[in-house]
Amino acid sequence: MTDGITLDSRGAEAVRDAADRVIAAVGTVIDGKDDVIRSAFAVMLAGGHLLIEDVPGVGKTMLAKALARATGGTISRIQFTPDLLPSDVTGASVFDQSAARFEFKPGAVFANVVIGDEINRASPKTQAALLECMEEGQVTVDGSSWPLPDPFLVVATQNPVDMEGTYVLPEAQRDRFMARISMGYPDEDAEREMLRSHGRVDPIERLESVLPAGGLADLAAQARDVYVSPAVETYVLRIVGATRNHSEVRLGASPRASLQLLRAAKATALIDGRDFVLPDDVDALAADVLAHRLVLRRTGVDVREGQAVAATRIVRQVVAATPVPLQ
């Protein structure tokens, strides 16, 4: 540990203060969305990836940029288009005539935070180029593998309104994302503050890292060590298992979903300055972590409701119906 942002040496208060600084710093850029920022930061600490699905102009890309700056990470942005090639994402081997050999030129994915704007506009082949990166933390080209920076977070955005010329993410790709969140429109006060602050200068240009060198890696390591009781483990398994047996669900959440829900709950506990997970931590992120993984039966989706809203409703019903462990 570099600067000792740990529960062991400086106490829970120091960890909570570090997390609060990040959330507050990002909040200077994204007005009135502390709950969204908190969820995104929890995914980052848990070593997951984030899918933001919302209409244009609500700050999806700005959120990812602000997270990277506030935590001191490097950032890369990929604008997904139908003509984007897999090598544009991962990199490619290029022949160096002076050395008479091939050299690997890293692609845009080599950064701590990678923003994939409108990921559903790229072809399935290019979308698949992210699969190994997201799951293994490495890129393999021409039989050789190169590790990606640690920590590594993909923040992908997609627009659910304009679906013309898009390719729906397959189940295998969606399952790689730890959570799917929606930004939503700001309330009137937050939007007024945005008009005042963003009208003069871009606040992200003034945003600097609020963590010491290595601070993000310290927090991520601490999140992995947060204690989970057998009762909470059972609670997670019963929630995930209930999605597989729900009458409106054709394909429930996978075992990977159980693991990622637990990791996200650990990160949430750490942000609150605790070294143990409560059932409330699981409840807070269950819909974000599980809903996008569900494949619903056609009879379970109201035309006026839509797949995403219906899946979120089902997860919330499952959480409400699952008994909370007493110890």
C-alpha atoms as a PDB file:
ATOM      1  CA  MET A   1       0.000   0.000   0.000  1.00  0.00           C
ATOM      2  CA  THR A   2       1.487   3.311  -1.033  1.00  0.00           C
ATOM      3  CA  ASP A   3      -0.096   5.979   1.142  1.00  0.00           C
ATOM      4  CA  GLY A   4      -1.929   3.788   3.612  1.00  0.00           C
ATOM      5  CA  ILE A   5      -5.551   4.506   2.660  1.00  0.00           C
ATOM      6  CA  THR A   6      -6.580   1.374   4.509  1.00  0.00           C
ATOM      7  CA  LEU A   7      -8.996   0.247   7.144  1.00  0.00           C
ATOM      8  CA  ASP A   8      -6.079  -1.233   9.090  1.00  0.00           C
ATOM      9  CA  SER A   9      -3.731   1.735   9.513  1.00  0.00           C
ATOM     10  CA  ARG A  10      -5.772   4.912   9.303  1.00  0.00           C
ATOM     11  CA  GLY A  11      -9.193   3.611  10.132  1.00  0.00           C
ATOM     12  CA  ALA A  12     -12.578   3.555   8.496  1.00  0.00           C
ATOM     13  CA  GLU A  13     -12.842   7.331   8.692  1.00  0.00           C
ATOM     14  CA  ALA A  14      -9.858   7.815   6.378  1.00  0.00           C
ATOM     15  CA  VAL A  15     -11.297   5.400   3.812  1.00  0.00           C
ATOM     16  CA  ARG A  16     -14.688   7.087   3.900  1.00  0.00           C
ATOM     17  CA  ASP A  17     -13.060  10.515   3.578  1.00  0.00           C
ATOM     18  CA  ALA A  18     -11.108   9.390   0.512  1.00  0.00           C
ATOM     19  CA  ALA A  19     -14.269   8.043  -1.117  1.00  0.00           C
ATOM     20  CA  ASP A  20     -16.204  11.192  -0.200  1.00  0.00           C
ATOM     21  CA  ARG A  21     -13.521  13.359  -1.820  1.00  0.00           C
ATOM     22  CA  VAL A  22     -13.855  11.466  -5.094  1.00  0.00           C
ATOM     23  CA  ILE A  23     -17.669  11.626  -5.079  1.00  0.00           C
ATOM     24  CA  ALA A  24     -17.631  15.338  -4.175  1.00  0.00           C
ATOM     25  CA  ALA A  25     -15.064  16.120  -6.877  1.00  0.00           C
ATOM     26  CA  VAL A  26     -17.075  14.360  -9.570  1.00  0.00           C
ATOM     27  CA  GLY A  27     -20.175  16.107  -8.200  1.00  0.00           C
ATOM     28  CA  THR A  28     -18.688  19.476  -9.167  1.00  0.00           C
ATOM     29  CA  VAL A  29     -18.985  18.341 -12.778  1.00  0.00           C
ATOM     30  CA  ILE A  30     -22.178  16.239 -12.638  1.00  0.00           C
ATOM     31  CA  ASP A  31     -24.749  18.269 -10.713  1.00  0.00           C
ATOM     32  CA  GLY A  32     -27.426  16.592  -8.594  1.00  0.00           C
ATOM     33  CA  LYS A  33     -26.447  12.986  -9.344  1.00  0.00           C
ATOM     34  CA  ASP A  34     -24.606  11.838  -6.218  1.00  0.00           C
ATOM     35  CA  ASP A  35     -26.362   8.459  -6.231  1.00  0.00           C
ATOM     36  CA  VAL A  36     -25.268   7.783  -9.811  1.00  0.00           C
ATOM     37  CA  ILE A  37     -21.702   8.901  -9.055  1.00  0.00           C
ATOM     38  CA  ARG A  38     -21.637   6.671  -6.000  1.00  0.00           C
ATOM     39  CA  SER A  39     -22.770   3.629  -8.008  1.00  0.00           C
ATOM     40  CA  ALA A  40     -20.222   4.317 -10.743  1.00  0.00           C
ATOM     41  CA  PHE A  41     -17.400   4.700  -8.199  1.00  0.00           C
ATOM     42  CA  ALA A  42     -18.448   1.463  -6.479  1.00  0.00           C
ATOM     43  CA  VAL A  43     -18.195  -0.374  -9.812  1.00  0.00           C
ATOM     44  CA  MET A  44     -14.748   1.157 -10.334  1.00  0.00           C
ATOM     45  CA  LEU A  45     -13.503   0.010  -6.913  1.00  0.00           C
ATOM     46  CA  ALA A  46     -14.997  -3.455  -7.440  1.00  0.00           C
ATOM     47  CA  GLY A  47     -12.995  -3.927 -10.631  1.00  0.00           C
ATOM     48  CA  GLY A  48     -16.086  -4.080 -12.822  1.00  0.00           C
ATOM     49  CA  HIS A  49     -17.288  -2.331 -15.954  1.00  0.00           C
ATOM     50  CA  LEU A  50     -20.184   0.054 -16.365  1.00  0.00           C
ATOM     51  CA  LEU A  51     -22.904   0.365 -19.008  1.00  0.00           C
ATOM     52  CA  ILE A  52     -24.715   3.713 -19.036  1.00  0.00           C
ATOM     53  CA  GLU A  53     -27.943   3.634 -21.022  1.00  0.00           C
ATOM     54  CA  ASP A  54     -29.707   6.945 -21.425  1.00  0.00           C
ATOM     55  CA  VAL A  55     -30.783   9.638 -23.840  1.00  0.00           C
ATOM     56  CA  PRO A  56     -28.174  12.012 -25.339  1.00  0.00           C
ATOM     57  CA  GLY A  57     -26.966  15.036 -23.445  1.00  0.00           C
ATOM     58  CA  VAL A  58     -27.406  13.953 -19.817  1.00  0.00           C
ATOM     59  CA  GLY A  59     -23.682  13.663 -19.021  1.00  0.00           C
ATOM     60  CA  LYS A  60     -22.769  10.021 -19.669  1.00  0.00           C
ATOM     61  CA  THR A  61     -19.358  10.787 -21.167  1.00  0.00           C
ATOM     62  CA  MET A  62     -18.737  13.618 -18.708  1.00  0.00           C
ATOM     63  CA  LEU A  63     -19.251  11.226 -15.788  1.00  0.00           C
ATOM     64  CA  ALA A  64     -16.598   8.837 -17.090  1.00  0.00           C
ATOM     65  CA  LYS A  65     -14.116  11.654 -17.724  1.00  0.00           C
ATOM     66  CA  ALA A  66     -14.674  13.137 -14.278  1.00  0.00           C
ATOM     67  CA  LEU A  67     -14.163   9.751 -12.566  1.00  0.00           C
ATOM     68  CA  ALA A  68     -10.854   9.266 -14.354  1.00  0.00           C
ATOM     69  CA  ARG A  69      -9.594  12.742 -13.476  1.00  0.00           C
ATOM     70  CA  ALA A  70     -10.694  12.624  -9.847  1.00  0.00           C
ATOM     71  CA  THR A  71      -8.944   9.288  -9.267  1.00  0.00           C
ATOM     72  CA  GLY A  72      -5.761  10.180 -11.158  1.00  0.00           C
ATOM     73  CA  GLY A  73      -6.234   7.602 -13.880  1.00  0.00           C
ATOM     74  CA  THR A  74      -5.515   7.803 -17.599  1.00  0.00           C
ATOM     75  CA  ILE A  75      -8.467   8.067 -19.943  1.00  0.00           C
ATOM     76  CA  SER A  76      -9.212   7.070 -23.511  1.00  0.00           C
ATOM     77  CA  ARG A  77     -12.332   7.597 -25.582  1.00  0.00           C
ATOM     78  CA  ILE A  78     -13.563   5.413 -28.432  1.00  0.00           C
ATOM     79  CA  GLN A  79     -16.399   6.608 -30.634  1.00  0.00           C
ATOM     80  CA  PHE A  80     -18.027   3.410 -31.849  1.00  0.00           C
ATOM     81  CA  THR A  81     -19.210   3.575 -35.453  1.00  0.00           C
ATOM     82  CA  PRO A  82     -20.199   0.901 -38.009  1.00  0.00           C
ATOM     83  CA  ASP A  83     -16.795   1.161 -39.734  1.00  0.00           C
ATOM     84  CA  LEU A  84     -14.703   0.865 -36.548  1.00  0.00           C
ATOM     85  CA  LEU A  85     -12.332  -2.115 -36.721  1.00  0.00           C
ATOM     86  CA  PRO A  86     -11.321  -4.423 -33.844  1.00  0.00           C
ATOM     87  CA  SER A  87      -7.692  -3.334 -34.292  1.00  0.00           C
ATOM     88  CA  ASP A  88      -8.751   0.272 -33.670  1.00  0.00           C
ATOM     89  CA  VAL A  89      -9.803  -0.843 -30.205  1.00  0.00           C
ATOM     90  CA  THR A  90      -7.131  -3.349 -29.193  1.00  0.00           C
ATOM     91  CA  GLY A  91      -4.147  -2.340 -31.337  1.00  0.00           C
ATOM     92  CA  ALA A  92      -2.288  -4.109 -34.125  1.00  0.00           C
ATOM     93  CA  SER A  93       1.109  -5.431 -35.164  1.00  0.00           C
ATOM     94  CA  VAL A  94       2.808  -3.058 -37.594  1.00  0.00           C
ATOM     95  CA  PHE A  95       5.903  -3.926 -39.620  1.00  0.00           C
ATOM     96  CA  ASP A  96       8.912  -1.765 -38.748  1.00  0.00           C
ATOM     97  CA  GLN A  97      11.098  -1.655 -41.869  1.00  0.00           C
ATOM     98  CA  SER A  98      14.128  -0.245 -40.061  1.00  0.00           C
ATOM     99  CA  ALA A  99      14.119  -3.095 -37.529  1.00  0.00           C
ATOM    100  CA  ALA A 100      12.779  -5.663 -40.016  1.00  0.00           C
ATOM    101  CA  ARG A 101      10.219  -6.942 -37.553  1.00  0.00           C
ATOM    102  CA  PHE A 102       6.629  -6.466 -36.433  1.00  0.00           C
ATOM    103  CA  GLU A 103       5.942  -4.175 -33.481  1.00  0.00           C
ATOM    104  CA  PHE A 104       2.749  -3.963 -31.489  1.00  0.00           C
ATOM    105  CA  LYS A 105       1.045  -0.570 -31.502  1.00  0.00           C
ATOM    106  CA  PRO A 106      -1.382  -0.342 -28.560  1.00  0.00           C
ATOM    107  CA  GLY A 107      -4.965   0.636 -29.338  1.00  0.00           C
ATOM    108  CA  ALA A 108      -7.304   2.991 -27.529  1.00  0.00           C
ATOM    109  CA  VAL A 109      -8.163   0.370 -24.905  1.00  0.00           C
ATOM    110  CA  PHE A 110      -4.844   0.892 -23.097  1.00  0.00           C
ATOM    111  CA  ALA A 111      -5.981   3.293 -20.360  1.00  0.00           C
ATOM    112  CA  ASN A 112      -7.348   3.123 -16.817  1.00  0.00           C
ATOM    113  CA  VAL A 113     -10.764   4.376 -17.914  1.00  0.00           C
ATOM    114  CA  VAL A 114     -11.959   3.615 -21.440  1.00  0.00           C
ATOM    115  CA  ILE A 115     -15.086   5.395 -22.631  1.00  0.00           C
ATOM    116  CA  GLY A 116     -16.933   3.506 -25.335  1.00  0.00           C
ATOM    117  CA  ASP A 117     -19.393   6.009 -26.742  1.00  0.00           C
ATOM    118  CA  GLU A 118     -22.478   4.481 -28.395  1.00  0.00           C
ATOM    119  CA  ILE A 119     -21.116   0.947 -28.215  1.00  0.00           C
ATOM    120  CA  ASN A 120     -24.219  -0.435 -29.917  1.00  0.00           C
ATOM    121  CA  ARG A 121     -23.341   1.391 -33.146  1.00  0.00           C
ATOM    122  CA  ALA A 122     -20.304  -0.819 -33.802  1.00  0.00           C
ATOM    123  CA  SER A 123     -20.492  -4.193 -35.526  1.00  0.00           C
ATOM    124  CA  PRO A 124     -20.682  -7.336 -33.378  1.00  0.00           C
ATOM    125  CA  LYS A 125     -17.118  -8.210 -34.420  1.00  0.00           C
ATOM    126  CA  THR A 126     -15.793  -4.948 -33.011  1.00  0.00           C
ATOM    127  CA  GLN A 127     -17.936  -5.241 -29.887  1.00  0.00           C
ATOM    128  CA  ALA A 128     -16.432  -8.693 -29.347  1.00  0.00           C
ATOM    129  CA  ALA A 129     -12.941  -7.161 -29.349  1.00  0.00           C
ATOM    130  CA  LEU A 130     -13.744  -5.827 -25.888  1.00  0.00           C
ATOM    131  CA  LEU A 131     -14.664  -9.232 -24.441  1.00  0.00           C
ATOM    132  CA  GLU A 132     -11.140 -10.408 -23.603  1.00  0.00           C
ATOM    133  CA  CYS A 133     -10.177  -6.935 -22.402  1.00  0.00           C
ATOM    134  CA  MET A 134     -13.086  -6.750 -19.982  1.00  0.00           C
ATOM    135  CA  GLU A 135     -12.805 -10.286 -18.629  1.00  0.00           C
ATOM    136  CA  GLU A 136      -9.062 -11.008 -18.676  1.00  0.00           C
ATOM    137  CA  GLY A 137      -7.544  -7.524 -18.414  1.00  0.00           C
ATOM    138  CA  GLN A 138      -5.312  -8.159 -21.401  1.00  0.00           C
ATOM    139  CA  VAL A 139      -5.137  -7.913 -25.186  1.00  0.00           C
ATOM    140  CA  THR A 140      -3.996 -10.794 -27.402  1.00  0.00           C
ATOM    141  CA  VAL A 141      -2.820 -10.008 -30.932  1.00  0.00           C
ATOM    142  CA  ASP A 142      -0.967 -12.423 -33.226  1.00  0.00           C
ATOM    143  CA  GLY A 143      -0.500 -14.929 -30.407  1.00  0.00           C
ATOM    144  CA  SER A 144       1.069 -12.471 -27.952  1.00  0.00           C
ATOM    145  CA  SER A 145      -0.643 -10.962 -24.916  1.00  0.00           C
ATOM    146  CA  TRP A 146      -0.208  -7.515 -23.397  1.00  0.00           C
ATOM    147  CA  PRO A 147      -1.614  -6.624 -19.958  1.00  0.00           C
ATOM    148  CA  LEU A 148      -3.921  -3.637 -19.646  1.00  0.00           C
ATOM    149  CA  PRO A 149      -3.364  -0.919 -17.013  1.00  0.00           C
ATOM    150  CA  ASP A 150      -4.541  -1.667 -13.495  1.00  0.00           C
ATOM    151  CA  PRO A 151      -7.146  -0.583 -12.522  1.00  0.00           C
ATOM    152  CA  PHE A 152      -9.039  -0.956 -15.798  1.00  0.00           C
ATOM    153  CA  LEU A 153     -12.617   0.239 -16.262  1.00  0.00           C
ATOM    154  CA  VAL A 154     -14.765   0.273 -19.385  1.00  0.00           C
ATOM    155  CA  VAL A 155     -17.583   2.802 -19.303  1.00  0.00           C
ATOM    156  CA  ALA A 156     -19.778   2.113 -22.317  1.00  0.00           C
ATOM    157  CA  THR A 157     -22.723   4.268 -23.308  1.00  0.00           C
ATOM    158  CA  GLN A 158     -25.662   3.545 -25.535  1.00  0.00           C
ATOM    159  CA  ASN A 159     -28.671   5.546 -26.588  1.00  0.00           C
ATOM    160  CA  PRO A 160     -31.961   3.633 -26.183  1.00  0.00           C
ATOM    161  CA  VAL A 161     -33.991   6.129 -28.224  1.00  0.00           C
ATOM    162  CA  ASP A 162     -32.404   6.185 -31.675  1.00  0.00           C
ATOM    163  CA  MET A 163     -31.934   2.486 -32.475  1.00  0.00           C
ATOM    164  CA  GLU A 164     -31.634   2.816 -36.272  1.00  0.00           C
ATOM    165  CA  GLY A 165     -28.302   1.476 -37.495  1.00  0.00           C
ATOM    166  CA  THR A 166     -27.410  -0.136 -34.166  1.00  0.00           C
ATOM    167  CA  TYR A 167     -26.425  -3.653 -33.113  1.00  0.00           C
ATOM    168  CA  VAL A 168     -27.973  -4.860 -29.876  1.00  0.00           C
ATOM    169  CA  LEU A 169     -25.376  -6.064 -27.374  1.00  0.00           C
ATOM    170  CA  PRO A 170     -25.577  -9.864 -27.101  1.00  0.00           C
ATOM    171  CA  GLU A 171     -26.169 -11.517 -23.730  1.00  0.00           C
ATOM    172  CA  ALA A 172     -22.492 -12.536 -23.432  1.00  0.00           C
ATOM    173  CA  GLN A 173     -21.396  -8.932 -23.838  1.00  0.00           C
ATOM    174  CA  ARG A 174     -23.976  -7.501 -21.438  1.00  0.00           C
ATOM    175  CA  ASP A 175     -22.982 -10.058 -18.813  1.00  0.00           C
ATOM    176  CA  ARG A 176     -19.430  -8.634 -18.828  1.00  0.00           C
ATOM    177  CA  PHE A 177     -20.722  -5.322 -17.467  1.00  0.00           C
ATOM    178  CA  MET A 178     -20.962  -5.318 -13.694  1.00  0.00           C
ATOM    179  CA  ALA A 179     -23.768  -2.761 -13.693  1.00  0.00           C
ATOM    180  CA  ARG A 180     -26.068  -0.809 -15.944  1.00  0.00           C
ATOM    181  CA  ILE A 181     -27.207   2.592 -14.752  1.00  0.00           C
ATOM    182  CA  SER A 182     -29.251   5.460 -16.126  1.00  0.00           C
ATOM    183  CA  MET A 183     -28.318   9.090 -15.553  1.00  0.00           C
ATOM    184  CA  GLY A 184     -31.791  10.577 -15.861  1.00  0.00           C
ATOM    185  CA  TYR A 185     -32.600  14.247 -16.257  1.00  0.00           C
ATOM    186  CA  PRO A 186     -31.407  16.619 -13.511  1.00  0.00           C
ATOM    187  CA  ASP A 187     -33.952  18.401 -11.355  1.00  0.00           C
ATOM    188  CA  GLU A 188     -34.601  22.105 -11.924  1.00  0.00           C
ATOM    189  CA  ASP A 189     -32.164  23.337  -9.265  1.00  0.00           C
ATOM    190  CA  ALA A 190     -29.340  21.112 -10.513  1.00  0.00           C
ATOM    191  CA  GLU A 191     -29.952  22.147 -14.105  1.00  0.00           C
ATOM    192  CA  ARG A 192     -29.964  25.825 -13.099  1.00  0.00           C
ATOM    193  CA  GLU A 193     -26.623  25.338 -11.322  1.00  0.00           C
ATOM    194  CA  MET A 194     -25.310  23.618 -14.449  1.00  0.00           C
ATOM    195  CA  LEU A 195     -26.305  26.624 -16.573  1.00  0.00           C
ATOM    196  CA  ARG A 196     -24.419  28.939 -14.256  1.00  0.00           C
ATOM    197  CA  SER A 197     -21.260  26.908 -13.738  1.00  0.00           C
ATOM    198  CA  HIS A 198     -20.891  25.333 -17.186  1.00  0.00           C
ATOM    199  CA  GLY A 199     -21.758  28.569 -18.975  1.00  0.00           C
ATOM    200  CA  ARG A 200     -18.528  30.270 -17.908  1.00  0.00           C
ATOM    201  CA  VAL A 201     -15.977  27.472 -18.072  1.00  0.00           C
ATOM    202  CA  ASP A 202     -15.899  23.710 -18.509  1.00  0.00           C
ATOM    203  CA  PRO A 203     -15.613  22.443 -14.896  1.00  0.00           C
ATOM    204  CA  ILE A 204     -13.847  19.260 -15.927  1.00  0.00           C
ATOM    205  CA  GLU A 205     -10.844  21.326 -17.048  1.00  0.00           C
ATOM    206  CA  ARG A 206     -10.338  22.418 -13.431  1.00  0.00           C
ATOM    207  CA  LEU A 207     -10.843  18.951 -11.971  1.00  0.00           C
ATOM    208  CA  GLU A 208      -7.718  17.368 -10.495  1.00  0.00           C
ATOM    209  CA  SER A 209      -7.017  14.085  -8.753  1.00  0.00           C
ATOM    210  CA  VAL A 210      -8.121  14.052  -5.110  1.00  0.00           C
ATOM    211  CA  LEU A 211      -6.349  10.782  -4.290  1.00  0.00           C
ATOM    212  CA  PRO A 212      -2.622  10.341  -3.581  1.00  0.00           C
ATOM    213  CA  ALA A 213      -0.458   8.322  -5.954  1.00  0.00           C
ATOM    214  CA  GLY A 214      -1.629   4.738  -5.797  1.00  0.00           C
ATOM    215  CA  GLY A 215      -4.702   5.730  -3.790  1.00  0.00           C
ATOM    216  CA  LEU A 216      -7.194   4.156  -6.178  1.00  0.00           C
ATOM    217  CA  ALA A 217      -5.304   0.854  -6.189  1.00  0.00           C
ATOM    218  CA  ASP A 218      -5.234   0.966  -2.369  1.00  0.00           C
ATOM    219  CA  LEU A 219      -8.994   1.430  -2.165  1.00  0.00           C
ATOM    220  CA  ALA A 220      -9.645  -1.302  -4.732  1.00  0.00           C
ATOM    221  CA  ALA A 221      -7.457  -3.729  -2.768  1.00  0.00           C
ATOM    222  CA  GLN A 222      -9.311  -2.853   0.438  1.00  0.00           C
ATOM    223  CA  ALA A 223     -12.652  -3.471  -1.271  1.00  0.00           C
ATOM    224  CA  ARG A 224     -11.595  -7.033  -2.046  1.00  0.00           C
ATOM    225  CA  ASP A 225     -10.817  -7.639   1.643  1.00  0.00           C
ATOM    226  CA  VAL A 226     -14.189  -6.466   3.010  1.00  0.00           C
ATOM    227  CA  TYR A 227     -15.779  -9.230   5.088  1.00  0.00           C
ATOM    228  CA  VAL A 228     -18.958 -10.983   3.943  1.00  0.00           C
ATOM    229  CA  SER A 229     -20.823 -13.157   6.432  1.00  0.00           C
ATOM    230  CA  PRO A 230     -22.281 -16.533   5.386  1.00  0.00           C
ATOM    231  CA  ALA A 231     -25.764 -15.078   5.949  1.00  0.00           C
ATOM    232  CA  VAL A 232     -25.167 -12.264   3.450  1.00  0.00           C
ATOM    233  CA  GLU A 233     -23.669 -14.747   0.977  1.00  0.00           C
ATOM    234  CA  THR A 234     -26.864 -16.788   1.251  1.00  0.00           C
ATOM    235  CA  TYR A 235     -28.914 -13.621   0.754  1.00  0.00           C
ATOM    236  CA  VAL A 236     -27.073 -12.879  -2.501  1.00  0.00           C
ATOM    237  CA  LEU A 237     -27.519 -16.444  -3.747  1.00  0.00           C
ATOM    238  CA  ARG A 238     -31.235 -16.448  -2.993  1.00  0.00           C
ATOM    239  CA  ILE A 239     -31.800 -13.159  -4.809  1.00  0.00           C
ATOM    240  CA  VAL A 240     -29.911 -14.344  -7.877  1.00  0.00           C
ATOM    241  CA  GLY A 241     -31.557 -17.756  -7.735  1.00  0.00           C
ATOM    242  CA  ALA A 242     -35.005 -16.170  -7.595  1.00  0.00           C
ATOM    243  CA  THR A 243     -34.369 -14.412 -10.925  1.00  0.00           C
ATOM    244  CA  ARG A 244     -33.868 -17.827 -12.534  1.00  0.00           C
ATOM    245  CA  ASN A 245     -37.206 -19.107 -11.277  1.00  0.00           C
ATOM    246  CA  HIS A 246     -39.320 -16.022 -11.935  1.00  0.00           C
ATOM    247  CA  SER A 247     -42.338 -16.626 -14.143  1.00  0.00           C
ATOM    248  CA  GLU A 248     -41.586 -13.634 -16.395  1.00  0.00           C
ATOM    249  CA  VAL A 249     -37.898 -14.504 -16.903  1.00  0.00           C
ATOM    250  CA  ARG A 250     -36.650 -16.849 -19.616  1.00  0.00           C
ATOM    251  CA  LEU A 251     -32.951 -16.577 -18.687  1.00  0.00           C
ATOM    252  CA  GLY A 252     -31.994 -15.502 -15.171  1.00  0.00           C
ATOM    253  CA  ALA A 253     -28.818 -13.991 -13.761  1.00  0.00           C
ATOM    254  CA  SER A 254     -25.633 -16.040 -14.160  1.00  0.00           C
ATOM    255  CA  PRO A 255     -23.152 -17.196 -11.472  1.00  0.00           C
ATOM    256  CA  ARG A 256     -20.968 -14.309 -12.648  1.00  0.00           C
ATOM    257  CA  ALA A 257     -23.809 -12.028 -11.594  1.00  0.00           C
ATOM    258  CA  SER A 258     -23.681 -13.452  -8.053  1.00  0.00           C
ATOM    259  CA  LEU A 259     -19.962 -12.772  -7.844  1.00  0.00           C
ATOM    260  CA  GLN A 260     -20.232  -9.269  -9.246  1.00  0.00           C
ATOM    261  CA  LEU A 261     -23.150  -8.357  -6.989  1.00  0.00           C
ATOM    262  CA  LEU A 262     -21.062  -9.413  -3.993  1.00  0.00           C
ATOM    263  CA  ARG A 263     -18.043  -7.440  -5.225  1.00  0.00           C
ATOM    264  CA  ALA A 264     -20.166  -4.348  -5.783  1.00  0.00           C
ATOM    265  CA  ALA A 265     -21.648  -4.708  -2.292  1.00  0.00           C
ATOM    266  CA  LYS A 266     -18.130  -4.902  -0.834  1.00  0.00           C
ATOM    267  CA  ALA A 267     -17.170  -1.681  -2.614  1.00  0.00           C
ATOM    268  CA  THR A 268     -20.330   0.018  -1.357  1.00  0.00           C
ATOM    269  CA  ALA A 269     -19.502  -1.001   2.205  1.00  0.00           C
ATOM    270  CA  LEU A 270     -15.986   0.377   1.800  1.00  0.00           C
ATOM    271  CA  ILE A 271     -17.321   3.711   0.508  1.00  0.00           C
ATOM    272  CA  ASP A 272     -19.382   3.894   3.711  1.00  0.00           C
ATOM    273  CA  GLY A 273     -16.244   3.231   5.741  1.00  0.00           C
ATOM    274  CA  ARG A 274     -17.153  -0.312   6.814  1.00  0.00           C
ATOM    275  CA  ASP A 275     -15.096  -3.501   6.613  1.00  0.00           C
ATOM    276  CA  PHE A 276     -18.184  -5.722   6.439  1.00  0.00           C
ATOM    277  CA  VAL A 277     -21.168  -6.009   4.078  1.00  0.00           C
ATOM    278  CA  LEU A 278     -24.751  -5.368   5.145  1.00  0.00           C
ATOM    279  CA  PRO A 279     -27.865  -6.632   3.337  1.00  0.00           C
ATOM    280  CA  ASP A 280     -28.597  -2.967   2.555  1.00  0.00           C
ATOM    281  CA  ASP A 281     -25.420  -2.863   0.426  1.00  0.00           C
ATOM    282  CA  VAL A 282     -26.759  -5.763  -1.636  1.00  0.00           C
ATOM    283  CA  ASP A 283     -30.207  -4.184  -1.931  1.00  0.00           C
ATOM    284  CA  ALA A 284     -28.794  -0.839  -3.085  1.00  0.00           C
ATOM    285  CA  LEU A 285     -27.085  -2.296  -6.167  1.00  0.00           C
ATOM    286  CA  ALA A 286     -29.157  -5.388  -6.975  1.00  0.00           C
ATOM    287  CA  ALA A 287     -31.205  -3.748  -9.739  1.00  0.00           C
ATOM    288  CA  ASP A 288     -28.146  -2.086 -11.320  1.00  0.00           C
ATOM    289  CA  VAL A 289     -26.126  -5.321 -11.295  1.00  0.00           C
ATOM    290  CA  LEU A 290     -28.798  -7.866 -12.227  1.00  0.00           C
ATOM    291  CA  ALA A 291     -31.474  -6.261 -14.415  1.00  0.00           C
ATOM    292  CA  HIS A 292     -29.477  -5.991 -17.664  1.00  0.00           C
ATOM    293  CA  ARG A 293     -28.589  -9.696 -17.500  1.00  0.00           C
ATOM    294  CA  LEU A 294     -32.169 -10.959 -17.534  1.00  0.00           C
ATOM    295  CA  VAL A 295     -33.808 -12.222 -20.702  1.00  0.00           C
ATOM    296  CA  LEU A 296     -37.561 -11.898 -20.310  1.00  0.00           C
ATOM    297  CA  ARG A 297     -40.370 -13.889 -21.796  1.00  0.00           C
ATOM    298  CA  ARG A 298     -42.384 -11.936 -24.335  1.00  0.00           C
ATOM    299  CA  THR A 299     -45.476 -12.260 -22.210  1.00  0.00           C
ATOM    300  CA  GLY A 300     -43.653 -10.542 -19.355  1.00  0.00           C
ATOM    301  CA  VAL A 301     -42.922  -7.282 -21.178  1.00  0.00           C
ATOM    302  CA  ASP A 302     -45.579  -4.594 -21.426  1.00  0.00           C
ATOM    303  CA  VAL A 303     -45.190  -2.593 -24.637  1.00  0.00           C
ATOM    304  CA  ARG A 304     -45.522   0.623 -22.628  1.00  0.00           C
ATOM    305  CA  GLU A 305     -42.932  -0.572 -20.096  1.00  0.00           C
ATOM    306  CA  GLY A 306     -40.030  -1.838 -22.204  1.00  0.00           C
ATOM    307  CA  GLN A 307     -37.435  -4.556 -21.530  1.00  0.00           C
ATOM    308  CA  ALA A 308     -35.107  -2.512 -19.303  1.00  0.00           C
ATOM    309  CA  VAL A 309     -37.868  -1.124 -17.093  1.00  0.00           C
ATOM    310  CA  ALA A 310     -39.543  -4.530 -16.802  1.00  0.00           C
ATOM    311  CA  ALA A 311     -36.275  -6.229 -15.809  1.00  0.00           C
ATOM    312  CA  THR A 312     -35.601  -3.581 -13.162  1.00  0.00           C
ATOM    313  CA  ARG A 313     -39.114  -4.027 -11.788  1.00  0.00           C
ATOM    314  CA  ILE A 314     -38.639  -7.787 -11.561  1.00  0.00           C
ATOM    315  CA  VAL A 315     -35.336  -7.491  -9.689  1.00  0.00           C
ATOM    316  CA  ARG A 316     -36.878  -5.063  -7.204  1.00  0.00           C
ATOM    317  CA  GLN A 317     -39.784  -7.447  -6.688  1.00  0.00           C
ATOM    318  CA  VAL A 318     -37.345 -10.300  -6.067  1.00  0.00           C
ATOM    319  CA  VAL A 319     -35.336  -8.249  -3.547  1.00  0.00           C
ATOM    320  CA  ALA A 320     -38.505  -7.202  -1.713  1.00  0.00           C
ATOM    321  CA  ALA A 321     -39.710 -10.815  -1.523  1.00  0.00           C
ATOM    322  CA  THR A 322     -36.385 -12.273  -0.316  1.00  0.00           C
ATOM    323  CA  PRO A 323     -36.135 -12.502   3.480  1.00  0.00           C
ATOM    324  CA  VAL A 324     -33.347 -10.370   4.938  1.00  0.00           C
ATOM    325  CA  PRO A 325     -30.883 -12.425   7.023  1.00  0.00           C
ATOM    326  CA  LEU A 326     -30.958 -11.716  10.748  1.00  0.00           C
ATOM    327  CA  GLN A 327     -27.230 -12.300  11.249  1.00  0.00           C
END
